[in-house]
Amino acid sequence: MLAHSTCDSPCITHACTAPVAPGDRLSYWDRYSIDALVGLRTTSQSPDGLVARQTNVALATMGLADIAGNAHAIERSAHLVGMYPKDAVFACHLVKGTALFIQGGEQFRLAAGDTIVYDTRRPYTLAFLSDMQQFLVEIPVAELDACWGVRVDDLPLQIAPPGGVGAALGAQLRRTLRGYLQAPTPEGSIALPACTHAVLRTMAQSRLRGPGALPQSLLHLLAARMHVARHLHDPDLSPHDVARATGVSVRHLNRLFAREGSSLAEHIWAQRTAMAYRELVRPGAKPAAVGEIAFRWGFSSPAHFSRTIAAAYGAPPSALRRKAQG
């Protein structure tokens, strides 16, 4: 049925319909989804009803769900959007099965390995046509462009790997998410959001730029972003460390990052600052000390953290926290 983790961070919950009477499974699933994911209505034509299980992880800056079950459909109608508002974008990566996604008059057929990015503020239907498994990544709408390089106007966005490098990106996403779900360590909780965003950003950019948009340089960028994400908490992380791990020079990486308007060093500090800021102003969480947040994200001192946050967001950490808490 429903179980909660004993740790405050991350918050992990589980749901499984197997112990529930077949006639009650759909209502049980929908009640759980309202609290753990999003308000929706589930239907199933199976004589056993919905046979499914779900794990949800709520991190400071990202949500993650692993959902598997038999064929079924979910609908988020205009009524449910109004009743259960959610200012979030979902990226559904289909691990197993086939599906049909409908939103705003557009239809997308999904096969295993495909990803669909969509806005939960708009009604949609997602029908799984066979036994299925999906990984679902959730971020706030306001962070869509910064995290994935995608505008809300681009959505819904289907990313269907054409094979080769595209398929390798999908496999990397699955390894990243599955590896964390199998062993959700504190260190992994810190690295997971940035690692996941790095892969999804590369996948989205390959889709938006059209065929042939996955040159080796884009893979170098991904490798650099992934290394930064995994070591963001290390105060000694430097561009030279990233270059050695990536197998190319700092100069080459700086050229690649310059195409996106920054240098490698600026990217490292922008990521540290953004992740720290999100934790600082996250609503509904037990607040960590400002010094603890600074240390966790690799800042050399609380004073350094305060100056950096103030320069990026217009106010020191304590003032931003007070404003976020209302």
C-alpha atoms as a PDB file:
ATOM      1  CA  MET A   1       0.000   0.000   0.000  1.00  0.00           C
ATOM      2  CA  LEU A   2       1.641   3.298   1.059  1.00  0.00           C
ATOM      3  CA  ALA A   3       4.951   3.662   2.869  1.00  0.00           C
ATOM      4  CA  HIS A   4       7.112   6.647   3.729  1.00  0.00           C
ATOM      5  CA  SER A   5      10.850   6.836   4.143  1.00  0.00           C
ATOM      6  CA  THR A   6      12.275   7.561   7.545  1.00  0.00           C
ATOM      7  CA  CYS A   7      14.711  10.181   6.236  1.00  0.00           C
ATOM      8  CA  ASP A   8      13.849  13.849   5.938  1.00  0.00           C
ATOM      9  CA  SER A   9      15.864  14.210   2.745  1.00  0.00           C
ATOM     10  CA  PRO A  10      15.053  12.816   0.349  1.00  0.00           C
ATOM     11  CA  CYS A  11      11.390  12.067   0.986  1.00  0.00           C
ATOM     12  CA  ILE A  12      10.617   8.686  -0.599  1.00  0.00           C
ATOM     13  CA  THR A  13       7.134   7.176  -0.799  1.00  0.00           C
ATOM     14  CA  HIS A  14       5.860   3.953  -2.330  1.00  0.00           C
ATOM     15  CA  ALA A  15       2.484   2.737  -3.542  1.00  0.00           C
ATOM     16  CA  CYS A  16       1.360  -0.665  -4.822  1.00  0.00           C
ATOM     17  CA  THR A  17      -2.137  -1.757  -5.810  1.00  0.00           C
ATOM     18  CA  ALA A  18      -1.511  -5.502  -5.333  1.00  0.00           C
ATOM     19  CA  PRO A  19      -2.802  -5.648  -1.716  1.00  0.00           C
ATOM     20  CA  VAL A  20      -5.862  -3.526  -2.606  1.00  0.00           C
ATOM     21  CA  ALA A  21      -9.195  -5.058  -3.633  1.00  0.00           C
ATOM     22  CA  PRO A  22      -9.506  -4.877  -7.463  1.00  0.00           C
ATOM     23  CA  GLY A  23     -12.565  -2.653  -7.289  1.00  0.00           C
ATOM     24  CA  ASP A  24     -10.753  -0.104  -5.104  1.00  0.00           C
ATOM     25  CA  ARG A  25      -7.441   0.038  -6.961  1.00  0.00           C
ATOM     26  CA  LEU A  26      -8.176   2.967  -9.240  1.00  0.00           C
ATOM     27  CA  SER A  27      -9.455   5.229  -6.461  1.00  0.00           C
ATOM     28  CA  TYR A  28      -6.518   4.242  -4.243  1.00  0.00           C
ATOM     29  CA  TRP A  29      -4.054   5.080  -7.042  1.00  0.00           C
ATOM     30  CA  ASP A  30      -5.655   8.437  -7.758  1.00  0.00           C
ATOM     31  CA  ARG A  31      -5.637   9.416  -4.060  1.00  0.00           C
ATOM     32  CA  TYR A  32      -1.962   8.562  -3.799  1.00  0.00           C
ATOM     33  CA  SER A  33      -1.145  10.466  -6.998  1.00  0.00           C
ATOM     34  CA  ILE A  34      -2.770  13.640  -5.701  1.00  0.00           C
ATOM     35  CA  ASP A  35      -0.371  13.726  -2.761  1.00  0.00           C
ATOM     36  CA  ALA A  36       2.760  12.308  -4.381  1.00  0.00           C
ATOM     37  CA  LEU A  37       2.592  13.396  -8.008  1.00  0.00           C
ATOM     38  CA  VAL A  38      -0.339  15.252  -9.589  1.00  0.00           C
ATOM     39  CA  GLY A  39      -4.133  15.250  -9.576  1.00  0.00           C
ATOM     40  CA  LEU A  40      -5.390  12.872 -12.261  1.00  0.00           C
ATOM     41  CA  ARG A  41      -8.005  10.227 -13.070  1.00  0.00           C
ATOM     42  CA  THR A  42      -6.929   6.681 -13.943  1.00  0.00           C
ATOM     43  CA  THR A  43      -8.889   4.134 -15.970  1.00  0.00           C
ATOM     44  CA  SER A  44      -8.161   0.506 -16.834  1.00  0.00           C
ATOM     45  CA  GLN A  45      -9.994  -2.081 -18.920  1.00  0.00           C
ATOM     46  CA  SER A  46      -8.243  -5.021 -17.258  1.00  0.00           C
ATOM     47  CA  PRO A  47     -10.569  -7.411 -15.344  1.00  0.00           C
ATOM     48  CA  ASP A  48      -8.076  -7.150 -12.471  1.00  0.00           C
ATOM     49  CA  GLY A  49      -8.253  -3.377 -12.514  1.00  0.00           C
ATOM     50  CA  LEU A  50      -5.018  -1.430 -12.247  1.00  0.00           C
ATOM     51  CA  VAL A  51      -2.058  -3.592 -11.244  1.00  0.00           C
ATOM     52  CA  ALA A  52       0.732  -1.101 -10.649  1.00  0.00           C
ATOM     53  CA  ARG A  53       3.437   0.123  -8.311  1.00  0.00           C
ATOM     54  CA  GLN A  54       5.082   3.507  -7.911  1.00  0.00           C
ATOM     55  CA  THR A  55       8.068   5.018  -6.101  1.00  0.00           C
ATOM     56  CA  ASN A  56       8.270   8.789  -5.691  1.00  0.00           C
ATOM     57  CA  VAL A  57      11.312  10.773  -4.595  1.00  0.00           C
ATOM     58  CA  ALA A  58      10.994  14.423  -3.571  1.00  0.00           C
ATOM     59  CA  LEU A  59      14.376  16.167  -3.632  1.00  0.00           C
ATOM     60  CA  ALA A  60      15.067  19.794  -2.850  1.00  0.00           C
ATOM     61  CA  THR A  61      15.182  20.775  -6.521  1.00  0.00           C
ATOM     62  CA  MET A  62      13.573  17.934  -8.462  1.00  0.00           C
ATOM     63  CA  GLY A  63      10.943  15.201  -8.265  1.00  0.00           C
ATOM     64  CA  LEU A  64      11.404  11.666  -9.573  1.00  0.00           C
ATOM     65  CA  ALA A  65       8.944   8.811 -10.015  1.00  0.00           C
ATOM     66  CA  ASP A  66       9.393   5.215 -11.134  1.00  0.00           C
ATOM     67  CA  ILE A  67       6.026   3.803 -12.249  1.00  0.00           C
ATOM     68  CA  ALA A  68       5.236   0.357 -13.650  1.00  0.00           C
ATOM     69  CA  GLY A  69       1.961  -1.440 -14.326  1.00  0.00           C
ATOM     70  CA  ASN A  70      -0.433  -3.014 -16.774  1.00  0.00           C
ATOM     71  CA  ALA A  71      -2.193  -1.165 -19.579  1.00  0.00           C
ATOM     72  CA  HIS A  72      -4.106   1.872 -18.328  1.00  0.00           C
ATOM     73  CA  ALA A  73      -4.807   5.522 -19.094  1.00  0.00           C
ATOM     74  CA  ILE A  74      -4.419   8.677 -17.042  1.00  0.00           C
ATOM     75  CA  GLU A  75      -6.264  11.906 -17.690  1.00  0.00           C
ATOM     76  CA  ARG A  76      -5.632  15.347 -16.234  1.00  0.00           C
ATOM     77  CA  SER A  77      -8.743  17.220 -17.250  1.00  0.00           C
ATOM     78  CA  ALA A  78      -9.324  20.975 -17.085  1.00  0.00           C
ATOM     79  CA  HIS A  79     -11.408  20.331 -13.968  1.00  0.00           C
ATOM     80  CA  LEU A  80      -8.514  18.490 -12.274  1.00  0.00           C
ATOM     81  CA  VAL A  81      -6.027  21.168 -13.364  1.00  0.00           C
ATOM     82  CA  GLY A  82      -8.189  23.723 -11.566  1.00  0.00           C
ATOM     83  CA  MET A  83      -8.824  21.554  -8.523  1.00  0.00           C
ATOM     84  CA  TYR A  84      -5.223  20.397  -8.092  1.00  0.00           C
ATOM     85  CA  PRO A  85      -2.968  23.070  -9.635  1.00  0.00           C
ATOM     86  CA  LYS A  86       0.676  22.190 -10.169  1.00  0.00           C
ATOM     87  CA  ASP A  87       3.230  24.622 -11.567  1.00  0.00           C
ATOM     88  CA  ALA A  88       5.506  21.926 -12.967  1.00  0.00           C
ATOM     89  CA  VAL A  89       6.864  20.331 -16.097  1.00  0.00           C
ATOM     90  CA  PHE A  90       7.120  16.546 -16.423  1.00  0.00           C
ATOM     91  CA  ALA A  91       9.547  14.586 -18.575  1.00  0.00           C
ATOM     92  CA  CYS A  92       8.179  11.066 -19.081  1.00  0.00           C
ATOM     93  CA  HIS A  93      10.841   8.615 -20.260  1.00  0.00           C
ATOM     94  CA  LEU A  94       9.190   5.385 -21.370  1.00  0.00           C
ATOM     95  CA  VAL A  95      11.337   2.438 -20.302  1.00  0.00           C
ATOM     96  CA  LYS A  96       8.937  -0.320 -21.364  1.00  0.00           C
ATOM     97  CA  GLY A  97       5.799  -0.556 -23.509  1.00  0.00           C
ATOM     98  CA  THR A  98       4.016   1.752 -25.932  1.00  0.00           C
ATOM     99  CA  ALA A  99       1.881   4.798 -25.204  1.00  0.00           C
ATOM    100  CA  LEU A 100      -0.170   7.607 -26.723  1.00  0.00           C
ATOM    101  CA  PHE A 101       0.122  11.163 -25.362  1.00  0.00           C
ATOM    102  CA  ILE A 102      -2.490  13.810 -26.209  1.00  0.00           C
ATOM    103  CA  GLN A 103      -2.350  17.507 -25.276  1.00  0.00           C
ATOM    104  CA  GLY A 104      -3.781  20.594 -26.941  1.00  0.00           C
ATOM    105  CA  GLY A 105      -4.957  18.710 -30.011  1.00  0.00           C
ATOM    106  CA  GLU A 106      -1.560  17.122 -30.646  1.00  0.00           C
ATOM    107  CA  GLN A 107      -0.956  13.372 -30.497  1.00  0.00           C
ATOM    108  CA  PHE A 108       2.361  11.603 -29.949  1.00  0.00           C
ATOM    109  CA  ARG A 109       2.977   7.865 -30.169  1.00  0.00           C
ATOM    110  CA  LEU A 110       5.689   6.733 -27.769  1.00  0.00           C
ATOM    111  CA  ALA A 111       7.834   3.617 -27.840  1.00  0.00           C
ATOM    112  CA  ALA A 112      10.306   2.344 -25.268  1.00  0.00           C
ATOM    113  CA  GLY A 113      13.240   4.756 -25.172  1.00  0.00           C
ATOM    114  CA  ASP A 114      11.164   7.824 -26.114  1.00  0.00           C
ATOM    115  CA  THR A 115      10.720  10.865 -23.891  1.00  0.00           C
ATOM    116  CA  ILE A 116       7.851  13.367 -23.829  1.00  0.00           C
ATOM    117  CA  VAL A 117       8.209  16.704 -22.005  1.00  0.00           C
ATOM    118  CA  TYR A 118       4.933  18.418 -21.122  1.00  0.00           C
ATOM    119  CA  ASP A 119       3.294  21.123 -19.014  1.00  0.00           C
ATOM    120  CA  THR A 120       1.092  19.842 -16.160  1.00  0.00           C
ATOM    121  CA  ARG A 121      -0.803  23.159 -16.098  1.00  0.00           C
ATOM    122  CA  ARG A 122      -2.587  22.121 -19.297  1.00  0.00           C
ATOM    123  CA  PRO A 123      -4.994  19.166 -19.635  1.00  0.00           C
ATOM    124  CA  TYR A 124      -3.542  15.972 -21.095  1.00  0.00           C
ATOM    125  CA  THR A 125      -4.179  12.270 -21.561  1.00  0.00           C
ATOM    126  CA  LEU A 126      -1.501   9.575 -21.441  1.00  0.00           C
ATOM    127  CA  ALA A 127      -2.645   6.076 -22.447  1.00  0.00           C
ATOM    128  CA  PHE A 128      -0.300   3.141 -21.878  1.00  0.00           C
ATOM    129  CA  LEU A 129      -1.264   0.512 -24.447  1.00  0.00           C
ATOM    130  CA  SER A 130       0.578  -2.425 -22.890  1.00  0.00           C
ATOM    131  CA  ASP A 131       2.503  -3.393 -19.766  1.00  0.00           C
ATOM    132  CA  MET A 132       4.644  -0.356 -19.037  1.00  0.00           C
ATOM    133  CA  GLN A 133       7.359   1.306 -17.010  1.00  0.00           C
ATOM    134  CA  GLN A 134       8.241   4.981 -17.012  1.00  0.00           C
ATOM    135  CA  PHE A 135      10.643   7.297 -15.254  1.00  0.00           C
ATOM    136  CA  LEU A 136       9.033  10.669 -14.584  1.00  0.00           C
ATOM    137  CA  VAL A 137      11.171  13.742 -13.835  1.00  0.00           C
ATOM    138  CA  GLU A 138       9.516  16.873 -12.419  1.00  0.00           C
ATOM    139  CA  ILE A 139      10.845  20.442 -12.299  1.00  0.00           C
ATOM    140  CA  PRO A 140       9.171  23.832 -11.747  1.00  0.00           C
ATOM    141  CA  VAL A 141       7.979  25.534 -14.945  1.00  0.00           C
ATOM    142  CA  ALA A 142      10.102  28.589 -14.090  1.00  0.00           C
ATOM    143  CA  GLU A 143      13.272  26.477 -14.285  1.00  0.00           C
ATOM    144  CA  LEU A 144      12.506  24.833 -17.634  1.00  0.00           C
ATOM    145  CA  ASP A 145      14.789  26.981 -19.773  1.00  0.00           C
ATOM    146  CA  ALA A 146      17.666  27.021 -17.288  1.00  0.00           C
ATOM    147  CA  CYS A 147      17.568  23.255 -16.674  1.00  0.00           C
ATOM    148  CA  TRP A 148      16.709  21.831 -20.098  1.00  0.00           C
ATOM    149  CA  GLY A 149      17.138  24.725 -22.530  1.00  0.00           C
ATOM    150  CA  VAL A 150      13.450  24.456 -23.457  1.00  0.00           C
ATOM    151  CA  ARG A 151      10.722  27.114 -23.555  1.00  0.00           C
ATOM    152  CA  VAL A 152       7.163  26.416 -22.436  1.00  0.00           C
ATOM    153  CA  ASP A 153       6.083  27.330 -25.985  1.00  0.00           C
ATOM    154  CA  ASP A 154       8.115  24.330 -27.237  1.00  0.00           C
ATOM    155  CA  LEU A 155       5.911  21.912 -25.274  1.00  0.00           C
ATOM    156  CA  PRO A 156       4.830  19.220 -25.612  1.00  0.00           C
ATOM    157  CA  LEU A 157       8.200  18.060 -26.928  1.00  0.00           C
ATOM    158  CA  GLN A 158       8.778  14.462 -27.991  1.00  0.00           C
ATOM    159  CA  ILE A 159      12.361  13.203 -27.973  1.00  0.00           C
ATOM    160  CA  ALA A 160      12.669   9.952 -29.928  1.00  0.00           C
ATOM    161  CA  PRO A 161      16.300   8.761 -30.159  1.00  0.00           C
ATOM    162  CA  PRO A 162      17.142   7.898 -33.798  1.00  0.00           C
ATOM    163  CA  GLY A 163      19.705   5.308 -32.707  1.00  0.00           C
ATOM    164  CA  GLY A 164      23.443   5.520 -32.101  1.00  0.00           C
ATOM    165  CA  VAL A 165      24.259   8.520 -29.950  1.00  0.00           C
ATOM    166  CA  GLY A 166      20.592   9.351 -29.337  1.00  0.00           C
ATOM    167  CA  ALA A 167      19.914   5.884 -27.971  1.00  0.00           C
ATOM    168  CA  ALA A 168      23.048   6.138 -25.821  1.00  0.00           C
ATOM    169  CA  LEU A 169      21.660   9.302 -24.240  1.00  0.00           C
ATOM    170  CA  GLY A 170      18.449   7.501 -23.334  1.00  0.00           C
ATOM    171  CA  ALA A 171      20.474   4.660 -21.832  1.00  0.00           C
ATOM    172  CA  GLN A 172      22.507   7.185 -19.822  1.00  0.00           C
ATOM    173  CA  LEU A 173      19.333   8.727 -18.447  1.00  0.00           C
ATOM    174  CA  ARG A 174      18.024   5.309 -17.396  1.00  0.00           C
ATOM    175  CA  ARG A 175      21.350   4.411 -15.732  1.00  0.00           C
ATOM    176  CA  THR A 176      21.394   7.705 -13.860  1.00  0.00           C
ATOM    177  CA  LEU A 177      17.843   7.387 -12.514  1.00  0.00           C
ATOM    178  CA  ARG A 178      17.874   3.629 -11.893  1.00  0.00           C
ATOM    179  CA  GLY A 179      21.232   3.777 -10.131  1.00  0.00           C
ATOM    180  CA  TYR A 180      19.949   6.393  -7.718  1.00  0.00           C
ATOM    181  CA  LEU A 181      16.661   4.611  -7.041  1.00  0.00           C
ATOM    182  CA  GLN A 182      18.518   1.398  -6.208  1.00  0.00           C
ATOM    183  CA  ALA A 183      20.802   3.179  -3.712  1.00  0.00           C
ATOM    184  CA  PRO A 184      19.569   6.684  -2.736  1.00  0.00           C
ATOM    185  CA  THR A 185      22.580   7.961  -0.787  1.00  0.00           C
ATOM    186  CA  PRO A 186      22.963  11.532   0.559  1.00  0.00           C
ATOM    187  CA  GLU A 187      25.766  12.120  -1.952  1.00  0.00           C
ATOM    188  CA  GLY A 188      23.562  10.796  -4.744  1.00  0.00           C
ATOM    189  CA  SER A 189      20.740  13.083  -3.684  1.00  0.00           C
ATOM    190  CA  ILE A 190      23.057  16.034  -4.151  1.00  0.00           C
ATOM    191  CA  ALA A 191      24.344  14.945  -7.564  1.00  0.00           C
ATOM    192  CA  LEU A 192      21.182  13.483  -9.092  1.00  0.00           C
ATOM    193  CA  PRO A 193      19.317  16.680 -10.129  1.00  0.00           C
ATOM    194  CA  ALA A 194      22.248  18.218 -11.991  1.00  0.00           C
ATOM    195  CA  CYS A 195      23.205  14.865 -13.597  1.00  0.00           C
ATOM    196  CA  THR A 196      19.619  14.315 -14.739  1.00  0.00           C
ATOM    197  CA  HIS A 197      19.287  17.860 -16.052  1.00  0.00           C
ATOM    198  CA  ALA A 198      22.569  17.504 -17.965  1.00  0.00           C
ATOM    199  CA  VAL A 199      21.296  14.450 -19.854  1.00  0.00           C
ATOM    200  CA  LEU A 200      17.795  15.817 -20.477  1.00  0.00           C
ATOM    201  CA  ARG A 201      19.205  19.136 -21.655  1.00  0.00           C
ATOM    202  CA  THR A 202      21.427  17.358 -24.188  1.00  0.00           C
ATOM    203  CA  MET A 203      18.500  15.216 -25.353  1.00  0.00           C
ATOM    204  CA  ALA A 204      16.206  18.232 -25.691  1.00  0.00           C
ATOM    205  CA  GLN A 205      18.777  20.300 -27.565  1.00  0.00           C
ATOM    206  CA  SER A 206      19.394  17.436 -29.996  1.00  0.00           C
ATOM    207  CA  ARG A 207      15.642  17.361 -30.692  1.00  0.00           C
ATOM    208  CA  LEU A 208      15.238  21.129 -31.054  1.00  0.00           C
ATOM    209  CA  ARG A 209      18.259  21.543 -33.313  1.00  0.00           C
ATOM    210  CA  GLY A 210      17.079  18.866 -35.719  1.00  0.00           C
ATOM    211  CA  PRO A 211      18.762  15.849 -37.365  1.00  0.00           C
ATOM    212  CA  GLY A 212      22.515  15.622 -37.014  1.00  0.00           C
ATOM    213  CA  ALA A 213      22.506  17.834 -33.913  1.00  0.00           C
ATOM    214  CA  LEU A 214      24.553  15.429 -31.810  1.00  0.00           C
ATOM    215  CA  PRO A 215      28.132  16.184 -32.798  1.00  0.00           C
ATOM    216  CA  GLN A 216      31.005  15.025 -30.625  1.00  0.00           C
ATOM    217  CA  SER A 217      31.206  18.503 -29.111  1.00  0.00           C
ATOM    218  CA  LEU A 218      27.723  18.091 -27.606  1.00  0.00           C
ATOM    219  CA  LEU A 219      28.844  14.846 -25.987  1.00  0.00           C
ATOM    220  CA  HIS A 220      31.915  16.606 -24.580  1.00  0.00           C
ATOM    221  CA  LEU A 221      29.582  19.213 -23.089  1.00  0.00           C
ATOM    222  CA  LEU A 222      27.441  16.476 -21.558  1.00  0.00           C
ATOM    223  CA  ALA A 223      30.463  14.697 -20.087  1.00  0.00           C
ATOM    224  CA  ALA A 224      31.673  17.972 -18.583  1.00  0.00           C
ATOM    225  CA  ARG A 225      28.245  18.799 -17.149  1.00  0.00           C
ATOM    226  CA  MET A 226      27.923  15.311 -15.669  1.00  0.00           C
ATOM    227  CA  HIS A 227      31.339  15.520 -13.993  1.00  0.00           C
ATOM    228  CA  VAL A 228      30.498  18.937 -12.567  1.00  0.00           C
ATOM    229  CA  ALA A 229      27.148  17.620 -11.311  1.00  0.00           C
ATOM    230  CA  ARG A 230      28.734  14.653  -9.538  1.00  0.00           C
ATOM    231  CA  HIS A 231      31.412  16.778  -7.859  1.00  0.00           C
ATOM    232  CA  LEU A 232      29.544  20.025  -7.293  1.00  0.00           C
ATOM    233  CA  HIS A 233      29.898  19.665  -3.520  1.00  0.00           C
ATOM    234  CA  ASP A 234      33.719  19.456  -3.774  1.00  0.00           C
ATOM    235  CA  PRO A 235      35.162  22.894  -2.946  1.00  0.00           C
ATOM    236  CA  ASP A 236      38.346  22.005  -4.869  1.00  0.00           C
ATOM    237  CA  LEU A 237      36.561  21.201  -8.143  1.00  0.00           C
ATOM    238  CA  SER A 238      38.317  23.107 -10.940  1.00  0.00           C
ATOM    239  CA  PRO A 239      38.110  23.374 -14.746  1.00  0.00           C
ATOM    240  CA  HIS A 240      41.297  21.304 -14.970  1.00  0.00           C
ATOM    241  CA  ASP A 241      39.628  18.461 -13.021  1.00  0.00           C
ATOM    242  CA  VAL A 242      36.697  18.538 -15.431  1.00  0.00           C
ATOM    243  CA  ALA A 243      38.958  18.605 -18.487  1.00  0.00           C
ATOM    244  CA  ARG A 244      40.964  15.600 -17.259  1.00  0.00           C
ATOM    245  CA  ALA A 245      37.779  13.627 -16.606  1.00  0.00           C
ATOM    246  CA  THR A 246      36.331  14.588 -19.993  1.00  0.00           C
ATOM    247  CA  GLY A 247      39.499  13.846 -21.964  1.00  0.00           C
ATOM    248  CA  VAL A 248      39.741  17.225 -23.687  1.00  0.00           C
ATOM    249  CA  SER A 249      41.497  20.488 -22.875  1.00  0.00           C
ATOM    250  CA  VAL A 250      40.171  23.317 -20.729  1.00  0.00           C
ATOM    251  CA  ARG A 251      40.534  25.572 -23.763  1.00  0.00           C
ATOM    252  CA  HIS A 252      38.308  23.298 -25.858  1.00  0.00           C
ATOM    253  CA  LEU A 253      35.671  23.078 -23.119  1.00  0.00           C
ATOM    254  CA  ASN A 254      35.695  26.847 -22.703  1.00  0.00           C
ATOM    255  CA  ARG A 255      35.019  27.194 -26.439  1.00  0.00           C
ATOM    256  CA  LEU A 256      32.048  24.845 -26.128  1.00  0.00           C
ATOM    257  CA  PHE A 257      30.632  26.618 -23.074  1.00  0.00           C
ATOM    258  CA  ALA A 258      31.189  29.994 -24.773  1.00  0.00           C
ATOM    259  CA  ARG A 259      28.575  28.977 -27.362  1.00  0.00           C
ATOM    260  CA  GLU A 260      26.108  28.951 -24.463  1.00  0.00           C
ATOM    261  CA  GLY A 261      27.314  32.262 -23.088  1.00  0.00           C
ATOM    262  CA  SER A 262      29.660  31.199 -20.269  1.00  0.00           C
ATOM    263  CA  SER A 263      32.994  29.628 -19.441  1.00  0.00           C
ATOM    264  CA  LEU A 264      33.526  26.301 -17.703  1.00  0.00           C
ATOM    265  CA  ALA A 265      34.444  28.033 -14.431  1.00  0.00           C
ATOM    266  CA  GLU A 266      31.342  30.214 -14.680  1.00  0.00           C
ATOM    267  CA  HIS A 267      29.239  27.107 -15.289  1.00  0.00           C
ATOM    268  CA  ILE A 268      30.603  25.452 -12.134  1.00  0.00           C
ATOM    269  CA  TRP A 269      29.780  28.451  -9.980  1.00  0.00           C
ATOM    270  CA  ALA A 270      26.429  29.054 -11.670  1.00  0.00           C
ATOM    271  CA  GLN A 271      25.431  25.467 -10.880  1.00  0.00           C
ATOM    272  CA  ARG A 272      26.593  25.732  -7.279  1.00  0.00           C
ATOM    273  CA  THR A 273      24.783  29.026  -6.833  1.00  0.00           C
ATOM    274  CA  ALA A 274      21.543  27.821  -8.464  1.00  0.00           C
ATOM    275  CA  MET A 275      21.390  24.581  -6.474  1.00  0.00           C
ATOM    276  CA  ALA A 276      22.149  26.385  -3.223  1.00  0.00           C
ATOM    277  CA  TYR A 277      19.525  29.039  -3.958  1.00  0.00           C
ATOM    278  CA  ARG A 278      16.851  26.432  -4.668  1.00  0.00           C
ATOM    279  CA  GLU A 279      17.585  24.732  -1.364  1.00  0.00           C
ATOM    280  CA  LEU A 280      17.634  28.057   0.439  1.00  0.00           C
ATOM    281  CA  VAL A 281      14.151  29.113  -0.685  1.00  0.00           C
ATOM    282  CA  ARG A 282      12.486  25.691  -0.965  1.00  0.00           C
ATOM    283  CA  PRO A 283       9.030  25.899   0.636  1.00  0.00           C
ATOM    284  CA  GLY A 284       7.742  23.381   3.126  1.00  0.00           C
ATOM    285  CA  ALA A 285      11.116  21.958   4.096  1.00  0.00           C
ATOM    286  CA  LYS A 286      12.929  22.026   7.397  1.00  0.00           C
ATOM    287  CA  PRO A 287      15.421  24.858   6.816  1.00  0.00           C
ATOM    288  CA  ALA A 288      19.118  24.045   7.002  1.00  0.00           C
ATOM    289  CA  ALA A 289      21.522  26.588   8.414  1.00  0.00           C
ATOM    290  CA  VAL A 290      22.897  28.995   5.805  1.00  0.00           C
ATOM    291  CA  GLY A 291      26.447  27.858   6.621  1.00  0.00           C
ATOM    292  CA  GLU A 292      25.427  24.226   6.107  1.00  0.00           C
ATOM    293  CA  ILE A 293      24.001  24.993   2.667  1.00  0.00           C
ATOM    294  CA  ALA A 294      27.147  26.922   1.732  1.00  0.00           C
ATOM    295  CA  PHE A 295      29.369  24.013   2.745  1.00  0.00           C
ATOM    296  CA  ARG A 296      27.196  21.415   0.977  1.00  0.00           C
ATOM    297  CA  TRP A 297      27.495  23.229  -2.346  1.00  0.00           C
ATOM    298  CA  GLY A 298      31.244  23.806  -2.269  1.00  0.00           C
ATOM    299  CA  PHE A 299      31.495  27.436  -1.130  1.00  0.00           C
ATOM    300  CA  SER A 300      34.647  28.230   0.792  1.00  0.00           C
ATOM    301  CA  SER A 301      32.880  30.192   3.546  1.00  0.00           C
ATOM    302  CA  PRO A 302      29.483  31.616   4.541  1.00  0.00           C
ATOM    303  CA  ALA A 303      30.762  35.057   3.581  1.00  0.00           C
ATOM    304  CA  HIS A 304      31.688  33.859   0.081  1.00  0.00           C
ATOM    305  CA  PHE A 305      28.264  32.230  -0.196  1.00  0.00           C
ATOM    306  CA  SER A 306      26.469  35.384   0.923  1.00  0.00           C
ATOM    307  CA  ARG A 307      28.328  37.579  -1.594  1.00  0.00           C
ATOM    308  CA  THR A 308      27.683  35.168  -4.461  1.00  0.00           C
ATOM    309  CA  ILE A 309      23.982  34.746  -3.693  1.00  0.00           C
ATOM    310  CA  ALA A 310      23.486  38.486  -3.267  1.00  0.00           C
ATOM    311  CA  ALA A 311      25.184  39.166  -6.612  1.00  0.00           C
ATOM    312  CA  ALA A 312      23.048  36.560  -8.402  1.00  0.00           C
ATOM    313  CA  TYR A 313      19.673  37.111  -6.719  1.00  0.00           C
ATOM    314  CA  GLY A 314      19.784  40.663  -5.395  1.00  0.00           C
ATOM    315  CA  ALA A 315      19.710  39.916  -1.664  1.00  0.00           C
ATOM    316  CA  PRO A 316      21.716  37.964   0.928  1.00  0.00           C
ATOM    317  CA  PRO A 317      20.680  34.399   1.848  1.00  0.00           C
ATOM    318  CA  SER A 318      18.912  35.344   5.083  1.00  0.00           C
ATOM    319  CA  ALA A 319      16.719  37.918   3.323  1.00  0.00           C
ATOM    320  CA  LEU A 320      15.849  35.510   0.485  1.00  0.00           C
ATOM    321  CA  ARG A 321      14.871  32.838   2.997  1.00  0.00           C
ATOM    322  CA  ARG A 322      12.623  35.227   4.948  1.00  0.00           C
ATOM    323  CA  LYS A 323      10.917  36.310   1.742  1.00  0.00           C
ATOM    324  CA  ALA A 324      10.386  32.677   0.625  1.00  0.00           C
ATOM    325  CA  GLN A 325       8.840  31.775   3.980  1.00  0.00           C
ATOM    326  CA  GLY A 326       6.423  34.657   3.689  1.00  0.00           C
END
